[in-house]
Amino acid sequence: MFCTRCGANNLDTNQVCTSCGSTLPLKSGRPGQSPQSGSVPPPNYYPPSGSSQPQPQPPYPGYQGYTPQPNYQGGAMIPQNWQALGADKKITAGVLAILIGSLGVHKFILGYKNEGLIMLLGTILTCGIAAAVFGVIGVVEGILYLVKSDEEFVKTYIQNKKGWF
């Protein structure tokens, strides 16, 4: 329900405007009350700019009805440069994961030091026995890296830091 004084949007159950504190008109949705004709302004109602009434503010982060628009700035779509965000590492990491995945080099390229050390030290300390397992993991991860789009790759492995698979 819109306030007739300031134009703020309120819940239908409110009896007082949450913005300016004025009494809201009665609405038929409230039990035991009758509606007043012409009491609800149109959805795009704003009081005159010269009036002393407070002007409604646009939604802001944290506001109950705020929904952020991804990749928008000032109403214009912002193109994402996925290469600049880390997609340039996709092919390098993917190919190295397939070729020498048991050494964990692809993990170091993506910035996963712990996972890279686990693979490298596991292969070296077991005299190559763990290389078979880590090699399979490397091939699977390399294929996953290469089949993902640049956007998916950046979101999954660069931004969300998904270390395994």
C-alpha atoms as a PDB file:
ATOM      1  CA  MET A   1       0.000   0.000   0.000  1.00  0.00           C
ATOM      2  CA  PHE A   2       1.326   3.421  -0.918  1.00  0.00           C
ATOM      3  CA  CYS A   3       1.354   6.318   1.536  1.00  0.00           C
ATOM      4  CA  THR A   4      -0.734   9.246   0.297  1.00  0.00           C
ATOM      5  CA  ARG A   5       1.587  11.708   1.991  1.00  0.00           C
ATOM      6  CA  CYS A   6       5.079  10.596   0.927  1.00  0.00           C
ATOM      7  CA  GLY A   7       4.405   7.872  -1.663  1.00  0.00           C
ATOM      8  CA  ALA A   8       6.376   5.213   0.245  1.00  0.00           C
ATOM      9  CA  ASN A   9       5.400   1.592  -0.284  1.00  0.00           C
ATOM     10  CA  ASN A  10       4.145  -0.083   2.920  1.00  0.00           C
ATOM     11  CA  LEU A  11       2.793  -3.490   3.777  1.00  0.00           C
ATOM     12  CA  ASP A  12      -0.990  -3.803   3.455  1.00  0.00           C
ATOM     13  CA  THR A  13      -1.176  -4.653   7.153  1.00  0.00           C
ATOM     14  CA  ASN A  14       0.583  -1.442   8.267  1.00  0.00           C
ATOM     15  CA  GLN A  15      -1.603   1.234   9.808  1.00  0.00           C
ATOM     16  CA  VAL A  16       1.196   3.859   9.910  1.00  0.00           C
ATOM     17  CA  CYS A  17       3.665   4.722   7.122  1.00  0.00           C
ATOM     18  CA  THR A  18       7.132   3.381   7.891  1.00  0.00           C
ATOM     19  CA  SER A  19       8.722   6.344   6.118  1.00  0.00           C
ATOM     20  CA  CYS A  20       6.891   9.454   7.319  1.00  0.00           C
ATOM     21  CA  GLY A  21       4.740   8.138  10.193  1.00  0.00           C
ATOM     22  CA  SER A  22       1.403   9.359   8.801  1.00  0.00           C
ATOM     23  CA  THR A  23      -1.732   7.253   9.155  1.00  0.00           C
ATOM     24  CA  LEU A  24      -2.342   5.031   6.165  1.00  0.00           C
ATOM     25  CA  PRO A  25      -5.793   4.809   4.572  1.00  0.00           C
ATOM     26  CA  LEU A  26      -7.919   1.826   5.478  1.00  0.00           C
ATOM     27  CA  LYS A  27      -7.958  -1.048   3.045  1.00  0.00           C
ATOM     28  CA  SER A  28     -10.517  -3.815   2.613  1.00  0.00           C
ATOM     29  CA  GLY A  29      -7.822  -6.421   3.234  1.00  0.00           C
ATOM     30  CA  ARG A  30      -7.756  -5.509   6.942  1.00  0.00           C
ATOM     31  CA  PRO A  31     -10.349  -7.420   8.971  1.00  0.00           C
ATOM     32  CA  GLY A  32     -13.266  -5.342  10.205  1.00  0.00           C
ATOM     33  CA  GLN A  33     -12.344  -2.223   8.211  1.00  0.00           C
ATOM     34  CA  SER A  34     -13.813  -0.676   5.100  1.00  0.00           C
ATOM     35  CA  PRO A  35     -11.808   0.833   2.223  1.00  0.00           C
ATOM     36  CA  GLN A  36     -11.680   4.511   1.431  1.00  0.00           C
ATOM     37  CA  SER A  37     -12.179   5.422  -2.207  1.00  0.00           C
ATOM     38  CA  GLY A  38      -9.239   7.001  -4.007  1.00  0.00           C
ATOM     39  CA  SER A  39      -6.903   6.437  -1.066  1.00  0.00           C
ATOM     40  CA  VAL A  40      -4.194   4.505  -2.901  1.00  0.00           C
ATOM     41  CA  PRO A  41      -2.038   6.490  -5.344  1.00  0.00           C
ATOM     42  CA  PRO A  42      -0.873   4.931  -8.603  1.00  0.00           C
ATOM     43  CA  PRO A  43       2.315   2.808  -8.412  1.00  0.00           C
ATOM     44  CA  ASN A  44       4.556   5.562  -9.831  1.00  0.00           C
ATOM     45  CA  TYR A  45       3.264   8.257  -7.457  1.00  0.00           C
ATOM     46  CA  TYR A  46       5.797  10.783  -6.224  1.00  0.00           C
ATOM     47  CA  PRO A  47       4.889  13.952  -4.342  1.00  0.00           C
ATOM     48  CA  PRO A  48       5.648  17.269  -6.067  1.00  0.00           C
ATOM     49  CA  SER A  49       9.338  18.145  -5.914  1.00  0.00           C
ATOM     50  CA  GLY A  50       8.684  21.564  -4.345  1.00  0.00           C
ATOM     51  CA  SER A  51       6.710  20.125  -1.440  1.00  0.00           C
ATOM     52  CA  SER A  52       8.089  19.707   2.042  1.00  0.00           C
ATOM     53  CA  GLN A  53       7.228  16.027   1.964  1.00  0.00           C
ATOM     54  CA  PRO A  54      10.167  13.619   1.921  1.00  0.00           C
ATOM     55  CA  GLN A  55      11.016  12.184  -1.478  1.00  0.00           C
ATOM     56  CA  PRO A  56      11.096   8.382  -1.825  1.00  0.00           C
ATOM     57  CA  GLN A  57      14.597   6.998  -2.114  1.00  0.00           C
ATOM     58  CA  PRO A  58      15.636   4.333  -4.617  1.00  0.00           C
ATOM     59  CA  PRO A  59      16.333   0.849  -3.219  1.00  0.00           C
ATOM     60  CA  TYR A  60      19.786   0.384  -1.733  1.00  0.00           C
ATOM     61  CA  PRO A  61      21.760  -2.705  -0.682  1.00  0.00           C
ATOM     62  CA  GLY A  62      20.223  -4.024   2.528  1.00  0.00           C
ATOM     63  CA  TYR A  63      16.767  -2.648   1.649  1.00  0.00           C
ATOM     64  CA  GLN A  64      14.078  -5.335   1.878  1.00  0.00           C
ATOM     65  CA  GLY A  65      13.063  -5.084  -1.784  1.00  0.00           C
ATOM     66  CA  TYR A  66      16.558  -4.514  -3.217  1.00  0.00           C
ATOM     67  CA  THR A  67      17.638  -6.875  -5.965  1.00  0.00           C
ATOM     68  CA  PRO A  68      21.123  -6.216  -7.332  1.00  0.00           C
ATOM     69  CA  GLN A  69      21.544  -6.332 -11.087  1.00  0.00           C
ATOM     70  CA  PRO A  70      24.618  -8.384 -11.966  1.00  0.00           C
ATOM     71  CA  ASN A  71      27.066  -6.778 -14.382  1.00  0.00           C
ATOM     72  CA  TYR A  72      25.070  -3.543 -14.573  1.00  0.00           C
ATOM     73  CA  GLN A  73      26.410  -0.087 -13.891  1.00  0.00           C
ATOM     74  CA  GLY A  74      24.238   2.945 -14.443  1.00  0.00           C
ATOM     75  CA  GLY A  75      21.726   0.861 -16.411  1.00  0.00           C
ATOM     76  CA  ALA A  76      24.303  -0.358 -18.943  1.00  0.00           C
ATOM     77  CA  MET A  77      25.577  -3.917 -19.158  1.00  0.00           C
ATOM     78  CA  ILE A  78      29.273  -4.240 -18.281  1.00  0.00           C
ATOM     79  CA  PRO A  79      31.019  -6.842 -20.431  1.00  0.00           C
ATOM     80  CA  GLN A  80      33.256  -9.198 -18.484  1.00  0.00           C
ATOM     81  CA  ASN A  81      36.781  -9.769 -19.705  1.00  0.00           C
ATOM     82  CA  TRP A  82      37.171 -13.359 -18.538  1.00  0.00           C
ATOM     83  CA  GLN A  83      40.724 -13.528 -19.877  1.00  0.00           C
ATOM     84  CA  ALA A  84      41.745 -10.709 -17.548  1.00  0.00           C
ATOM     85  CA  LEU A  85      40.015 -12.459 -14.644  1.00  0.00           C
ATOM     86  CA  GLY A  86      42.082 -15.643 -15.074  1.00  0.00           C
ATOM     87  CA  ALA A  87      40.654 -17.584 -18.015  1.00  0.00           C
ATOM     88  CA  ASP A  88      44.042 -17.285 -19.720  1.00  0.00           C
ATOM     89  CA  LYS A  89      45.275 -19.959 -17.286  1.00  0.00           C
ATOM     90  CA  LYS A  90      42.637 -22.460 -18.439  1.00  0.00           C
ATOM     91  CA  ILE A  91      44.472 -23.933 -21.438  1.00  0.00           C
ATOM     92  CA  THR A  92      47.876 -23.968 -19.736  1.00  0.00           C
ATOM     93  CA  ALA A  93      46.525 -25.669 -16.607  1.00  0.00           C
ATOM     94  CA  GLY A  94      44.404 -28.089 -18.630  1.00  0.00           C
ATOM     95  CA  VAL A  95      47.200 -29.250 -20.921  1.00  0.00           C
ATOM     96  CA  LEU A  96      49.717 -29.584 -18.078  1.00  0.00           C
ATOM     97  CA  ALA A  97      47.161 -31.476 -15.981  1.00  0.00           C
ATOM     98  CA  ILE A  98      46.729 -34.015 -18.782  1.00  0.00           C
ATOM     99  CA  LEU A  99      50.443 -34.357 -19.568  1.00  0.00           C
ATOM    100  CA  ILE A 100      52.123 -34.199 -16.124  1.00  0.00           C
ATOM    101  CA  GLY A 101      49.153 -34.088 -13.765  1.00  0.00           C
ATOM    102  CA  SER A 102      50.766 -36.392 -11.229  1.00  0.00           C
ATOM    103  CA  LEU A 103      53.272 -33.651 -10.348  1.00  0.00           C
ATOM    104  CA  GLY A 104      50.501 -31.126  -9.568  1.00  0.00           C
ATOM    105  CA  VAL A 105      51.978 -28.354 -11.716  1.00  0.00           C
ATOM    106  CA  HIS A 106      48.485 -27.352 -12.865  1.00  0.00           C
ATOM    107  CA  LYS A 107      47.521 -26.729  -9.232  1.00  0.00           C
ATOM    108  CA  PHE A 108      50.412 -24.305  -8.764  1.00  0.00           C
ATOM    109  CA  ILE A 109      49.413 -22.445 -11.934  1.00  0.00           C
ATOM    110  CA  LEU A 110      45.918 -21.911 -10.520  1.00  0.00           C
ATOM    111  CA  GLY A 111      47.326 -20.813  -7.158  1.00  0.00           C
ATOM    112  CA  TYR A 112      46.471 -23.939  -5.157  1.00  0.00           C
ATOM    113  CA  LYS A 113      49.706 -24.398  -3.212  1.00  0.00           C
ATOM    114  CA  ASN A 114      48.451 -27.023  -0.750  1.00  0.00           C
ATOM    115  CA  GLU A 115      46.853 -29.215  -3.406  1.00  0.00           C
ATOM    116  CA  GLY A 116      49.945 -28.885  -5.615  1.00  0.00           C
ATOM    117  CA  LEU A 117      52.250 -29.885  -2.754  1.00  0.00           C
ATOM    118  CA  ILE A 118      50.071 -32.896  -1.923  1.00  0.00           C
ATOM    119  CA  MET A 119      50.320 -34.139  -5.497  1.00  0.00           C
ATOM    120  CA  LEU A 120      54.017 -33.345  -5.929  1.00  0.00           C
ATOM    121  CA  LEU A 121      55.191 -34.747  -2.585  1.00  0.00           C
ATOM    122  CA  GLY A 122      52.857 -37.730  -2.842  1.00  0.00           C
ATOM    123  CA  THR A 123      54.374 -38.663  -6.168  1.00  0.00           C
ATOM    124  CA  ILE A 124      57.984 -38.096  -5.045  1.00  0.00           C
ATOM    125  CA  LEU A 125      57.771 -39.638  -1.562  1.00  0.00           C
ATOM    126  CA  THR A 126      56.072 -42.816  -2.793  1.00  0.00           C
ATOM    127  CA  CYS A 127      58.701 -43.217  -5.519  1.00  0.00           C
ATOM    128  CA  GLY A 128      56.049 -42.835  -8.194  1.00  0.00           C
ATOM    129  CA  ILE A 129      53.511 -45.281  -6.772  1.00  0.00           C
ATOM    130  CA  ALA A 130      50.978 -42.507  -6.137  1.00  0.00           C
ATOM    131  CA  ALA A 131      51.741 -41.101  -9.581  1.00  0.00           C
ATOM    132  CA  ALA A 132      49.198 -43.466 -11.115  1.00  0.00           C
ATOM    133  CA  VAL A 133      46.394 -42.130  -8.902  1.00  0.00           C
ATOM    134  CA  PHE A 134      47.462 -38.506  -9.235  1.00  0.00           C
ATOM    135  CA  GLY A 135      47.907 -38.996 -12.987  1.00  0.00           C
ATOM    136  CA  VAL A 136      44.264 -40.084 -13.330  1.00  0.00           C
ATOM    137  CA  ILE A 137      43.186 -37.128 -11.197  1.00  0.00           C
ATOM    138  CA  GLY A 138      45.273 -34.838 -13.429  1.00  0.00           C
ATOM    139  CA  VAL A 139      43.716 -36.176 -16.631  1.00  0.00           C
ATOM    140  CA  VAL A 140      40.178 -35.780 -15.256  1.00  0.00           C
ATOM    141  CA  GLU A 141      40.896 -32.263 -14.003  1.00  0.00           C
ATOM    142  CA  GLY A 142      42.591 -31.286 -17.267  1.00  0.00           C
ATOM    143  CA  ILE A 143      39.572 -32.382 -19.268  1.00  0.00           C
ATOM    144  CA  LEU A 144      37.248 -30.536 -16.887  1.00  0.00           C
ATOM    145  CA  TYR A 145      39.309 -27.357 -17.222  1.00  0.00           C
ATOM    146  CA  LEU A 146      39.297 -27.512 -21.019  1.00  0.00           C
ATOM    147  CA  VAL A 147      35.579 -28.244 -21.526  1.00  0.00           C
ATOM    148  CA  LYS A 148      34.354 -25.434 -19.279  1.00  0.00           C
ATOM    149  CA  SER A 149      33.580 -22.035 -20.768  1.00  0.00           C
ATOM    150  CA  ASP A 150      35.834 -19.168 -19.734  1.00  0.00           C
ATOM    151  CA  GLU A 151      33.098 -17.811 -17.475  1.00  0.00           C
ATOM    152  CA  GLU A 152      32.524 -21.162 -15.742  1.00  0.00           C
ATOM    153  CA  PHE A 153      36.258 -21.726 -15.354  1.00  0.00           C
ATOM    154  CA  VAL A 154      36.852 -18.321 -13.747  1.00  0.00           C
ATOM    155  CA  LYS A 155      33.863 -18.615 -11.424  1.00  0.00           C
ATOM    156  CA  THR A 156      34.685 -22.186 -10.360  1.00  0.00           C
ATOM    157  CA  TYR A 157      38.479 -22.290 -10.122  1.00  0.00           C
ATOM    158  CA  ILE A 158      39.626 -18.664  -9.837  1.00  0.00           C
ATOM    159  CA  GLN A 159      36.893 -16.964  -7.807  1.00  0.00           C
ATOM    160  CA  ASN A 160      35.437 -19.858  -5.767  1.00  0.00           C
ATOM    161  CA  LYS A 161      38.815 -21.647  -5.417  1.00  0.00           C
ATOM    162  CA  LYS A 162      37.515 -25.192  -5.959  1.00  0.00           C
ATOM    163  CA  GLY A 163      40.693 -27.192  -5.362  1.00  0.00           C
ATOM    164  CA  TRP A 164      39.735 -30.682  -6.494  1.00  0.00           C
ATOM    165  CA  PHE A 165      37.808 -31.636  -9.619  1.00  0.00           C
END
